[in-house]
C-alpha atoms as a PDB file:
ATOM      1  CA  MET A   1     -10.146   8.997  35.711  1.00  0.00           C
ATOM      2  CA  ALA A   2     -10.809   5.247  35.762  1.00  0.00           C
ATOM      3  CA  LYS A   3      -7.968   2.934  35.505  1.00  0.00           C
ATOM      4  CA  LEU A   4      -7.974   0.191  32.703  1.00  0.00           C
ATOM      5  CA  PRO A   5      -8.635  -3.462  33.974  1.00  0.00           C
ATOM      6  CA  ASP A   6      -5.613  -5.354  35.037  1.00  0.00           C
ATOM      7  CA  PHE A   7      -5.916  -7.847  32.084  1.00  0.00           C
ATOM      8  CA  GLU A   8      -2.698  -9.439  32.837  1.00  0.00           C
ATOM      9  CA  ALA A   9      -3.608 -10.339  36.410  1.00  0.00           C
ATOM     10  CA  LEU A  10      -7.139 -11.439  35.230  1.00  0.00           C
ATOM     11  CA  ALA A  11      -5.695 -13.796  32.605  1.00  0.00           C
ATOM     12  CA  ILE A  12      -3.078 -15.390  35.112  1.00  0.00           C
ATOM     13  CA  PHE A  13      -5.826 -15.662  37.436  1.00  0.00           C
ATOM     14  CA  ALA A  14      -7.977 -17.647  34.696  1.00  0.00           C
ATOM     15  CA  LYS A  15      -4.748 -19.773  33.987  1.00  0.00           C
ATOM     16  CA  VAL A  16      -4.505 -20.760  37.861  1.00  0.00           C
ATOM     17  CA  VAL A  17      -8.147 -21.675  37.882  1.00  0.00           C
ATOM     18  CA  GLU A  18      -8.018 -23.806  34.784  1.00  0.00           C
ATOM     19  CA  LEU A  19      -4.886 -25.479  36.109  1.00  0.00           C
ATOM     20  CA  ARG A  20      -5.808 -25.626  39.771  1.00  0.00           C
ATOM     21  CA  SER A  21      -2.083 -24.828  40.619  1.00  0.00           C
ATOM     22  CA  PHE A  22       0.086 -21.707  40.969  1.00  0.00           C
ATOM     23  CA  ALA A  23       3.106 -23.818  39.876  1.00  0.00           C
ATOM     24  CA  ALA A  24       1.459 -25.409  36.963  1.00  0.00           C
ATOM     25  CA  ALA A  25       0.073 -21.992  35.767  1.00  0.00           C
ATOM     26  CA  ALA A  26       3.646 -20.574  36.022  1.00  0.00           C
ATOM     27  CA  SER A  27       5.149 -23.308  34.045  1.00  0.00           C
ATOM     28  CA  GLU A  28       2.596 -23.063  31.176  1.00  0.00           C
ATOM     29  CA  LEU A  29       3.022 -19.122  30.969  1.00  0.00           C
ATOM     30  CA  ALA A  30       6.707 -19.338  31.284  1.00  0.00           C
ATOM     31  CA  LEU A  31       6.663 -17.236  34.300  1.00  0.00           C
ATOM     32  CA  SER A  32       8.128 -17.469  37.833  1.00  0.00           C
ATOM     33  CA  LYS A  33       5.712 -18.876  40.634  1.00  0.00           C
ATOM     34  CA  ALA A  34       6.274 -15.571  42.442  1.00  0.00           C
ATOM     35  CA  THR A  35       5.286 -13.471  39.441  1.00  0.00           C
ATOM     36  CA  VAL A  36       1.941 -15.472  39.200  1.00  0.00           C
ATOM     37  CA  SER A  37       1.289 -15.149  43.108  1.00  0.00           C
ATOM     38  CA  LYS A  38       1.996 -11.502  43.029  1.00  0.00           C
ATOM     39  CA  ALA A  39      -0.396 -10.886  39.999  1.00  0.00           C
ATOM     40  CA  VAL A  40      -3.220 -12.797  41.851  1.00  0.00           C
ATOM     41  CA  SER A  41      -2.433 -10.693  45.071  1.00  0.00           C
ATOM     42  CA  ARG A  42      -2.386  -7.589  43.064  1.00  0.00           C
ATOM     43  CA  LEU A  43      -5.990  -8.563  41.595  1.00  0.00           C
ATOM     44  CA  GLU A  44      -7.244  -9.542  45.209  1.00  0.00           C
ATOM     45  CA  GLU A  45      -5.980  -5.952  46.443  1.00  0.00           C
ATOM     46  CA  ARG A  46      -7.720  -4.190  43.619  1.00  0.00           C
ATOM     47  CA  LEU A  47     -10.967  -6.036  43.906  1.00  0.00           C
ATOM     48  CA  GLY A  48     -10.793  -6.036  47.821  1.00  0.00           C
ATOM     49  CA  ALA A  49     -11.619  -9.752  47.977  1.00  0.00           C
ATOM     50  CA  ARG A  50      -9.876 -13.003  48.519  1.00  0.00           C
ATOM     51  CA  LEU A  51      -9.972 -15.259  45.446  1.00  0.00           C
ATOM     52  CA  PHE A  52      -8.538 -18.356  46.727  1.00  0.00           C
ATOM     53  CA  ASN A  53      -8.215 -20.223  49.788  1.00  0.00           C
ATOM     54  CA  ARG A  54      -4.877 -21.701  50.058  1.00  0.00           C
ATOM     55  CA  THR A  55      -3.430 -24.402  51.947  1.00  0.00           C
ATOM     56  CA  SER A  56      -0.178 -26.533  51.461  1.00  0.00           C
ATOM     57  CA  ARG A  57      -2.204 -29.146  49.724  1.00  0.00           C
ATOM     58  CA  ARG A  58      -5.265 -27.660  48.499  1.00  0.00           C
ATOM     59  CA  LEU A  59      -6.444 -24.469  46.292  1.00  0.00           C
ATOM     60  CA  ALA A  60     -10.074 -23.668  46.505  1.00  0.00           C
ATOM     61  CA  LEU A  61     -11.979 -20.665  44.895  1.00  0.00           C
ATOM     62  CA  THR A  62     -14.011 -18.504  47.476  1.00  0.00           C
ATOM     63  CA  ASP A  63     -17.265 -17.220  46.458  1.00  0.00           C
ATOM     64  CA  ALA A  64     -15.768 -14.045  44.978  1.00  0.00           C
ATOM     65  CA  GLY A  65     -13.365 -16.036  43.062  1.00  0.00           C
ATOM     66  CA  GLN A  66     -16.230 -18.375  41.733  1.00  0.00           C
ATOM     67  CA  LYS A  67     -18.007 -15.190  40.444  1.00  0.00           C
ATOM     68  CA  LEU A  68     -14.953 -13.844  38.597  1.00  0.00           C
ATOM     69  CA  SER A  69     -13.599 -17.069  37.260  1.00  0.00           C
ATOM     70  CA  ALA A  70     -15.984 -17.496  34.284  1.00  0.00           C
ATOM     71  CA  ARG A  71     -15.360 -14.117  33.017  1.00  0.00           C
ATOM     72  CA  ALA A  72     -11.688 -14.239  33.532  1.00  0.00           C
ATOM     73  CA  GLN A  73     -11.515 -17.549  31.669  1.00  0.00           C
ATOM     74  CA  ARG A  74     -13.683 -16.099  29.005  1.00  0.00           C
ATOM     75  CA  LEU A  75     -11.421 -12.978  28.872  1.00  0.00           C
ATOM     76  CA  LEU A  76      -8.327 -15.369  28.548  1.00  0.00           C
ATOM     77  CA  ALA A  77      -9.932 -17.514  25.739  1.00  0.00           C
ATOM     78  CA  ASP A  78     -10.849 -14.337  23.880  1.00  0.00           C
ATOM     79  CA  GLY A  79      -7.436 -12.939  24.135  1.00  0.00           C
ATOM     80  CA  GLU A  80      -5.748 -16.073  23.047  1.00  0.00           C
ATOM     81  CA  ALA A  81      -8.226 -16.361  19.984  1.00  0.00           C
ATOM     82  CA  VAL A  82      -7.455 -12.703  19.030  1.00  0.00           C
ATOM     83  CA  GLU A  83      -3.747 -13.411  19.199  1.00  0.00           C
ATOM     84  CA  ASN A  84      -3.912 -16.725  17.277  1.00  0.00           C
ATOM     85  CA  GLU A  85      -5.958 -14.959  14.492  1.00  0.00           C
ATOM     86  CA  ALA A  86      -3.397 -12.214  14.046  1.00  0.00           C
ATOM     87  CA  LEU A  87      -0.578 -14.666  14.101  1.00  0.00           C
ATOM     88  CA  ALA A  88      -2.364 -16.694  11.383  1.00  0.00           C
ATOM     89  CA  GLN A  89      -2.798 -13.752   9.326  1.00  0.00           C
ATOM     90  CA  SER A  90       0.905 -12.702   9.660  1.00  0.00           C
ATOM     91  CA  THR A  91       2.149 -16.169   8.578  1.00  0.00           C
ATOM     92  CA  SER A  92      -0.343 -17.461   5.941  1.00  0.00           C
ATOM     93  CA  PRO A  93      -2.073 -14.843   3.575  1.00  0.00           C
ATOM     94  CA  ARG A  94      -5.505 -14.183   4.633  1.00  0.00           C
ATOM     95  CA  GLY A  95      -7.798 -11.075   5.323  1.00  0.00           C
ATOM     96  CA  LEU A  96      -8.373  -7.657   3.521  1.00  0.00           C
ATOM     97  CA  VAL A  97      -5.684  -5.709   1.727  1.00  0.00           C
ATOM     98  CA  ARG A  98      -6.648  -1.934   0.922  1.00  0.00           C
ATOM     99  CA  LEU A  99      -4.883  -0.951  -2.084  1.00  0.00           C
ATOM    100  CA  ALA A 100      -4.608   2.553  -3.464  1.00  0.00           C
ATOM    101  CA  VAL A 101      -3.793   2.749  -7.285  1.00  0.00           C
ATOM    102  CA  PRO A 102      -3.634   5.625  -9.710  1.00  0.00           C
ATOM    103  CA  MET A 103      -6.949   5.498 -11.885  1.00  0.00           C
ATOM    104  CA  THR A 104      -5.910   4.617 -15.412  1.00  0.00           C
ATOM    105  CA  PHE A 105      -3.063   2.267 -14.453  1.00  0.00           C
ATOM    106  CA  GLY A 106      -5.389   0.463 -12.053  1.00  0.00           C
ATOM    107  CA  VAL A 107      -8.009  -0.116 -14.565  1.00  0.00           C
ATOM    108  CA  LYS A 108      -5.655  -1.089 -17.391  1.00  0.00           C
ATOM    109  CA  ALA A 109      -3.029  -2.935 -15.655  1.00  0.00           C
ATOM    110  CA  VAL A 110      -3.968  -3.969 -12.122  1.00  0.00           C
ATOM    111  CA  ALA A 111      -7.646  -4.923 -12.289  1.00  0.00           C
ATOM    112  CA  PRO A 112      -7.059  -7.416 -15.313  1.00  0.00           C
ATOM    113  CA  ILE A 113      -4.475  -9.503 -13.260  1.00  0.00           C
ATOM    114  CA  LEU A 114      -6.403  -9.453  -9.741  1.00  0.00           C
ATOM    115  CA  PRO A 115      -8.604 -12.430 -10.830  1.00  0.00           C
ATOM    116  CA  GLU A 116      -5.377 -14.493 -11.011  1.00  0.00           C
ATOM    117  CA  PHE A 117      -4.203 -13.343  -7.433  1.00  0.00           C
ATOM    118  CA  LEU A 118      -7.620 -13.948  -5.930  1.00  0.00           C
ATOM    119  CA  LYS A 119      -7.636 -17.386  -7.337  1.00  0.00           C
ATOM    120  CA  ALA A 120      -4.204 -18.121  -6.087  1.00  0.00           C
ATOM    121  CA  TYR A 121      -5.044 -16.607  -2.419  1.00  0.00           C
ATOM    122  CA  PRO A 122      -8.755 -17.637  -1.857  1.00  0.00           C
ATOM    123  CA  ASP A 123      -8.583 -16.361   1.803  1.00  0.00           C
ATOM    124  CA  VAL A 124      -7.445 -12.928   0.646  1.00  0.00           C
ATOM    125  CA  SER A 125      -9.820 -10.007  -0.390  1.00  0.00           C
ATOM    126  CA  ILE A 126      -8.882  -6.686  -1.932  1.00  0.00           C
ATOM    127  CA  ASP A 127     -10.249  -3.185  -1.527  1.00  0.00           C
ATOM    128  CA  LEU A 128      -9.068  -1.444  -4.739  1.00  0.00           C
ATOM    129  CA  HIS A 129      -9.156   2.323  -4.367  1.00  0.00           C
ATOM    130  CA  LEU A 130      -8.543   3.992  -7.804  1.00  0.00           C
ATOM    131  CA  SER A 131      -7.377   7.625  -7.766  1.00  0.00           C
ATOM    132  CA  ASP A 132      -4.573   9.658  -9.201  1.00  0.00           C
ATOM    133  CA  ALA A 133      -4.558  11.873  -5.974  1.00  0.00           C
ATOM    134  CA  MET A 134      -1.641  10.626  -3.467  1.00  0.00           C
ATOM    135  CA  VAL A 135      -3.535   9.027  -0.587  1.00  0.00           C
ATOM    136  CA  ASP A 136      -2.242   9.064   2.888  1.00  0.00           C
ATOM    137  CA  LEU A 137      -1.495   5.510   3.714  1.00  0.00           C
ATOM    138  CA  ILE A 138      -1.396   5.806   7.444  1.00  0.00           C
ATOM    139  CA  GLY A 139      -4.049   8.390   7.887  1.00  0.00           C
ATOM    140  CA  GLU A 140      -6.554   6.733   5.474  1.00  0.00           C
ATOM    141  CA  GLY A 141      -5.804   3.119   6.738  1.00  0.00           C
ATOM    142  CA  PHE A 142      -4.270   1.617   3.587  1.00  0.00           C
ATOM    143  CA  ASP A 143      -2.259  -1.355   3.601  1.00  0.00           C
ATOM    144  CA  ALA A 144      -0.250  -0.344   0.267  1.00  0.00           C
ATOM    145  CA  ALA A 145      -0.248   1.884  -2.658  1.00  0.00           C
ATOM    146  CA  LEU A 146       1.116   1.771  -6.103  1.00  0.00           C
ATOM    147  CA  ARG A 147       2.824   5.002  -7.072  1.00  0.00           C
ATOM    148  CA  ILE A 148       4.139   6.137 -10.319  1.00  0.00           C
ATOM    149  CA  ALA A 149       6.858   8.796 -10.131  1.00  0.00           C
ATOM    150  CA  ARG A 150      10.236   9.516  -8.817  1.00  0.00           C
ATOM    151  CA  LEU A 151       9.679   9.255  -5.196  1.00  0.00           C
ATOM    152  CA  PRO A 152      10.519  11.941  -2.638  1.00  0.00           C
ATOM    153  CA  ASP A 153      12.161  11.032   0.569  1.00  0.00           C
ATOM    154  CA  SER A 154       9.646   9.401   2.777  1.00  0.00           C
ATOM    155  CA  SER A 155       9.284   7.243   5.989  1.00  0.00           C
ATOM    156  CA  LEU A 156       7.299   4.704   3.791  1.00  0.00           C
ATOM    157  CA  ILE A 157       8.933   1.551   2.438  1.00  0.00           C
ATOM    158  CA  ALA A 158       9.101   1.407  -1.319  1.00  0.00           C
ATOM    159  CA  ARG A 159       9.822  -1.341  -3.529  1.00  0.00           C
ATOM    160  CA  ARG A 160      10.168  -0.728  -7.294  1.00  0.00           C
ATOM    161  CA  LEU A 161       8.322  -3.035  -9.620  1.00  0.00           C
ATOM    162  CA  CYS A 162       8.996  -1.798 -13.093  1.00  0.00           C
ATOM    163  CA  ALA A 163       9.760   1.371 -15.311  1.00  0.00           C
ATOM    164  CA  VAL A 164       7.288   3.587 -16.772  1.00  0.00           C
ATOM    165  CA  PRO A 165       8.676   5.491 -19.698  1.00  0.00           C
ATOM    166  CA  ARG A 166       7.075   8.902 -20.611  1.00  0.00           C
ATOM    167  CA  HIS A 167       6.365  10.250 -24.199  1.00  0.00           C
ATOM    168  CA  THR A 168       5.608  13.721 -25.499  1.00  0.00           C
ATOM    169  CA  VAL A 169       2.753  13.157 -28.153  1.00  0.00           C
ATOM    170  CA  ALA A 170       0.737  14.960 -30.625  1.00  0.00           C
ATOM    171  CA  ALA A 171      -1.672  13.788 -33.358  1.00  0.00           C
ATOM    172  CA  PRO A 172      -0.428  13.780 -36.894  1.00  0.00           C
ATOM    173  CA  SER A 173      -3.045  16.337 -37.694  1.00  0.00           C
ATOM    174  CA  TYR A 174      -1.875  18.746 -35.085  1.00  0.00           C
ATOM    175  CA  LEU A 175       1.684  18.420 -36.278  1.00  0.00           C
ATOM    176  CA  LYS A 176       0.612  19.128 -39.826  1.00  0.00           C
ATOM    177  CA  ARG A 177      -1.060  22.236 -39.151  1.00  0.00           C
ATOM    178  CA  HIS A 178       1.401  23.625 -36.252  1.00  0.00           C
ATOM    179  CA  GLY A 179       4.797  22.130 -37.385  1.00  0.00           C
ATOM    180  CA  ARG A 180       7.016  19.560 -35.464  1.00  0.00           C
ATOM    181  CA  PRO A 181       8.848  20.942 -32.319  1.00  0.00           C
ATOM    182  CA  THR A 182      12.326  19.528 -32.464  1.00  0.00           C
ATOM    183  CA  HIS A 183      13.523  21.192 -29.117  1.00  0.00           C
ATOM    184  CA  PRO A 184      11.706  21.331 -25.715  1.00  0.00           C
ATOM    185  CA  MET A 185      11.951  25.211 -25.726  1.00  0.00           C
ATOM    186  CA  HIS A 186       9.807  25.107 -28.866  1.00  0.00           C
ATOM    187  CA  LEU A 187       6.951  24.019 -26.778  1.00  0.00           C
ATOM    188  CA  ALA A 188       6.467  27.505 -25.471  1.00  0.00           C
ATOM    189  CA  GLN A 189       4.802  28.298 -29.099  1.00  0.00           C
ATOM    190  CA  HIS A 190       2.601  25.150 -28.691  1.00  0.00           C
ATOM    191  CA  LYS A 191      -0.727  24.423 -27.117  1.00  0.00           C
ATOM    192  CA  CYS A 192       0.214  21.889 -24.494  1.00  0.00           C
ATOM    193  CA  PHE A 193      -2.140  20.066 -22.124  1.00  0.00           C
ATOM    194  CA  GLY A 194      -1.419  19.818 -18.393  1.00  0.00           C
ATOM    195  CA  TYR A 195      -1.801  17.144 -15.773  1.00  0.00           C
ATOM    196  CA  ALA A 196      -2.551  18.229 -12.136  1.00  0.00           C
ATOM    197  CA  TYR A 197      -0.475  15.581 -10.219  1.00  0.00           C
ATOM    198  CA  LEU A 198       2.937  15.836 -11.706  1.00  0.00           C
ATOM    199  CA  SER A 199       5.609  15.557  -9.194  1.00  0.00           C
ATOM    200  CA  THR A 200       6.916  18.771 -10.291  1.00  0.00           C
ATOM    201  CA  ALA A 201       3.708  20.831 -10.977  1.00  0.00           C
ATOM    202  CA  ASP A 202       3.182  21.947 -14.675  1.00  0.00           C
ATOM    203  CA  VAL A 203       7.083  21.443 -15.474  1.00  0.00           C
ATOM    204  CA  TRP A 204       8.245  19.088 -18.005  1.00  0.00           C
ATOM    205  CA  HIS A 205      11.947  17.994 -17.897  1.00  0.00           C
ATOM    206  CA  TYR A 206      14.259  16.875 -20.688  1.00  0.00           C
ATOM    207  CA  SER A 207      17.751  15.915 -21.403  1.00  0.00           C
ATOM    208  CA  ASN A 208      19.872  14.605 -24.328  1.00  0.00           C
ATOM    209  CA  ALA A 209      22.714  12.723 -25.084  1.00  0.00           C
ATOM    210  CA  LYS A 210      25.133  15.724 -25.037  1.00  0.00           C
ATOM    211  CA  GLY A 211      24.293  16.202 -21.364  1.00  0.00           C
ATOM    212  CA  GLU A 212      22.007  19.372 -21.908  1.00  0.00           C
ATOM    213  CA  GLU A 213      18.845  19.682 -19.406  1.00  0.00           C
ATOM    214  CA  VAL A 214      16.015  21.735 -20.194  1.00  0.00           C
ATOM    215  CA  SER A 215      12.800  22.427 -17.987  1.00  0.00           C
ATOM    216  CA  VAL A 216       9.723  24.102 -19.728  1.00  0.00           C
ATOM    217  CA  ARG A 217       6.484  25.145 -18.328  1.00  0.00           C
ATOM    218  CA  PRO A 218       4.190  24.679 -21.324  1.00  0.00           C
ATOM    219  CA  ALA A 219       0.606  26.079 -21.450  1.00  0.00           C
ATOM    220  CA  GLY A 220      -2.650  25.197 -23.250  1.00  0.00           C
ATOM    221  CA  PRO A 221      -6.372  25.053 -23.084  1.00  0.00           C
ATOM    222  CA  LEU A 222      -6.717  21.818 -20.922  1.00  0.00           C
ATOM    223  CA  ARG A 223      -5.540  20.618 -17.788  1.00  0.00           C
ATOM    224  CA  VAL A 224      -6.922  17.449 -16.157  1.00  0.00           C
ATOM    225  CA  ASN A 225      -6.395  15.263 -12.859  1.00  0.00           C
ATOM    226  CA  ASN A 226      -6.385  12.021 -14.939  1.00  0.00           C
ATOM    227  CA  GLY A 227      -3.967  11.465 -17.735  1.00  0.00           C
ATOM    228  CA  GLU A 228      -6.241   9.408 -19.905  1.00  0.00           C
ATOM    229  CA  ALA A 229      -8.794  12.454 -20.168  1.00  0.00           C
ATOM    230  CA  LEU A 230      -6.117  13.970 -22.298  1.00  0.00           C
ATOM    231  CA  MET A 231      -6.251  11.295 -25.035  1.00  0.00           C
ATOM    232  CA  PRO A 232      -9.279  12.576 -26.731  1.00  0.00           C
ATOM    233  CA  ALA A 233      -7.999  15.939 -27.158  1.00  0.00           C
ATOM    234  CA  VAL A 234      -4.632  14.625 -28.494  1.00  0.00           C
ATOM    235  CA  ILE A 235      -6.177  12.564 -30.840  1.00  0.00           C
ATOM    236  CA  ALA A 236      -8.565  15.337 -32.096  1.00  0.00           C
ATOM    237  CA  GLY A 237      -5.335  17.257 -32.837  1.00  0.00           C
ATOM    238  CA  LEU A 238      -5.923  20.158 -30.383  1.00  0.00           C
ATOM    239  CA  GLY A 239      -2.473  20.105 -28.636  1.00  0.00           C
ATOM    240  CA  ILE A 240       0.598  18.146 -27.240  1.00  0.00           C
ATOM    241  CA  ALA A 241       0.693  16.131 -23.999  1.00  0.00           C
ATOM    242  CA  ASP A 242       3.366  14.450 -21.849  1.00  0.00           C
ATOM    243  CA  LEU A 243       1.943  11.145 -20.970  1.00  0.00           C
ATOM    244  CA  PRO A 244       3.174   7.636 -19.522  1.00  0.00           C
ATOM    245  CA  ASP A 245       3.606   4.811 -21.831  1.00  0.00           C
ATOM    246  CA  PHE A 246       0.609   2.912 -20.521  1.00  0.00           C
ATOM    247  CA  ILE A 247      -1.648   5.732 -21.409  1.00  0.00           C
ATOM    248  CA  ALA A 248      -0.333   6.901 -24.752  1.00  0.00           C
ATOM    249  CA  ASP A 249       0.691   3.363 -26.122  1.00  0.00           C
ATOM    250  CA  ASP A 250      -2.443   2.347 -28.029  1.00  0.00           C
ATOM    251  CA  ALA A 251      -2.640   5.763 -29.778  1.00  0.00           C
ATOM    252  CA  ILE A 252       0.996   5.497 -30.662  1.00  0.00           C
ATOM    253  CA  ARG A 253       0.880   1.945 -32.145  1.00  0.00           C
ATOM    254  CA  SER A 254      -2.470   2.836 -34.119  1.00  0.00           C
ATOM    255  CA  GLY A 255      -0.872   6.049 -35.637  1.00  0.00           C
ATOM    256  CA  LYS A 256      -3.492   8.229 -33.991  1.00  0.00           C
ATOM    257  CA  ALA A 257      -0.530   9.868 -31.950  1.00  0.00           C
ATOM    258  CA  GLU A 258       3.164  10.293 -32.708  1.00  0.00           C
ATOM    259  CA  VAL A 259       6.279  10.840 -30.358  1.00  0.00           C
ATOM    260  CA  ILE A 260       7.996  13.918 -30.780  1.00  0.00           C
ATOM    261  CA  LEU A 261      11.141  15.628 -29.702  1.00  0.00           C
ATOM    262  CA  GLN A 262      13.664  13.022 -31.217  1.00  0.00           C
ATOM    263  CA  GLY A 263      16.867  12.966 -29.378  1.00  0.00           C
ATOM    264  CA  TRP A 264      15.371  14.393 -26.132  1.00  0.00           C
ATOM    265  CA  SER A 265      14.483  11.970 -23.156  1.00  0.00           C
ATOM    266  CA  GLN A 266      12.551  12.611 -20.002  1.00  0.00           C
ATOM    267  CA  PRO A 267      13.212  11.372 -16.511  1.00  0.00           C
ATOM    268  CA  GLU A 268      11.937   7.741 -16.271  1.00  0.00           C
ATOM    269  CA  GLY A 269       9.349   7.167 -13.726  1.00  0.00           C
ATOM    270  CA  ALA A 270       8.632   3.734 -12.076  1.00  0.00           C
ATOM    271  CA  VAL A 271       5.919   1.967 -10.477  1.00  0.00           C
ATOM    272  CA  HIS A 272       6.568   1.654  -6.779  1.00  0.00           C
ATOM    273  CA  LEU A 273       4.715  -0.556  -4.326  1.00  0.00           C
ATOM    274  CA  VAL A 274       4.637   1.552  -0.974  1.00  0.00           C
ATOM    275  CA  THR A 275       3.760   0.393   2.432  1.00  0.00           C
ATOM    276  CA  PRO A 276       3.693   1.946   5.898  1.00  0.00           C
ATOM    277  CA  PRO A 277       6.779   1.830   7.970  1.00  0.00           C
ATOM    278  CA  GLY A 278       7.441  -0.428  10.919  1.00  0.00           C
ATOM    279  CA  GLY A 279       7.479  -4.122  11.599  1.00  0.00           C
ATOM    280  CA  PRO A 280       7.158  -7.020   9.133  1.00  0.00           C
ATOM    281  CA  ARG A 281       4.256  -6.780   6.574  1.00  0.00           C
ATOM    282  CA  PRO A 282       1.429  -9.121   7.046  1.00  0.00           C
ATOM    283  CA  ALA A 283       1.577 -12.120   4.771  1.00  0.00           C
ATOM    284  CA  ARG A 284      -1.481 -10.929   2.841  1.00  0.00           C
ATOM    285  CA  VAL A 285       0.362  -7.681   1.808  1.00  0.00           C
ATOM    286  CA  GLU A 286       3.618  -9.534   1.286  1.00  0.00           C
ATOM    287  CA  ALA A 287       1.888 -12.070  -1.203  1.00  0.00           C
ATOM    288  CA  LEU A 288       0.185  -9.472  -2.934  1.00  0.00           C
ATOM    289  CA  GLY A 289       3.505  -7.420  -3.280  1.00  0.00           C
ATOM    290  CA  ASN A 290       5.383 -10.416  -4.541  1.00  0.00           C
ATOM    291  CA  PHE A 291       2.638 -11.053  -7.057  1.00  0.00           C
ATOM    292  CA  LEU A 292       2.775  -7.632  -8.473  1.00  0.00           C
ATOM    293  CA  ALA A 293       6.384  -7.634  -8.774  1.00  0.00           C
ATOM    294  CA  ALA A 294       6.509 -10.911 -10.535  1.00  0.00           C
ATOM    295  CA  HIS A 295       3.872  -9.778 -13.018  1.00  0.00           C
ATOM    296  CA  PHE A 296       5.264  -6.382 -13.859  1.00  0.00           C
ATOM    297  CA  GLY A 297       8.808  -7.288 -13.602  1.00  0.00           C
ATOM    298  CA  ASN A 298       8.324 -10.013 -16.446  1.00  0.00           C
ATOM    299  CA  GLN A 299       6.120  -7.733 -18.227  1.00  0.00           C
ATOM    300  CA  SER A 300       8.724  -4.858 -18.376  1.00  0.00           C
ATOM    301  CA  ARG A 301      11.426  -7.277 -19.652  1.00  0.00           C
ATOM    302  CA  SER A 302       9.464  -8.620 -22.445  1.00  0.00           C
ATOM    303  CA  LYS A 303       8.051  -5.338 -23.783  1.00  0.00           C
ATOM    304  CA  PRO A 304       9.822  -4.009 -26.998  1.00  0.00           C
ATOM    305  CA  PRO A 305      11.525  -0.368 -26.752  1.00  0.00           C
ATOM    306  CA  ARG A 306       9.456   2.411 -28.143  1.00  0.00           C
ATOM    307  CA  ARG A 307      11.035   4.152 -31.283  1.00  0.00           C
ATOM    308  CA  ARG A 308      10.809   7.751 -31.385  1.00  0.00           C
ATOM    309  CA  ALA A 309       9.675   9.680 -34.416  1.00  0.00           C
END
């Protein structure tokens, strides 16, 4: 199996050529003169050719050294350019951020504020991936994701942005025909719609001020992998759905749907920004995270509480 090139020795050799001195190269690279000399000797041994003719007063390239020097110096320049570019991206926001966001939340809440971010950070671009499925950040190459749930234990780094209340809702026409459930266990006698990506599949959890906790597994004629797709069926009076506030809010405010199960609450989820583990986040990701935290934090503080029917 072929060995990798000795990039370190090639870079040190290029620096010696540039400065025409082992001592000067050692000083600029913050290495000992012995380390620089050993690197050049290692390279000569590997290539089977002397690269310098050295005397106490003069350092001259051999023919082999002349042939190697241009490429070695180009290699050093390319390496310095790559490193400088990476450093620039880590200290000032620039480059591409691949961001995964749940579909409806992305369309309704994230996409409308991205123009403000892009105007503030013209050197940053965003690849917005919309899907309710939980993506593999590391395996699929994402820089960050927004997740709306109570997060399981994970090696990912999570930052809470804002709360997301959930509501059990039904249309007035459904409640008129089928009655209004007043206890979560009553849902077993009702048509309820399912959502594929619940953290606890097809189970709805409730608690009340008395400390009672109830988990139910309702069933019905419709199951989807995007929560907004349930709203037409809810508004048509065909069943009951358990939905986050950002999906049900408009229908509740307009009177097309009502919040039911007064006195019972559900575990409150939250929007989290999650990023891969290890090392400081690039400046572009940090800037986007701070922007989202400021926007959604302010929004949640200013939003009035929802009254239950």
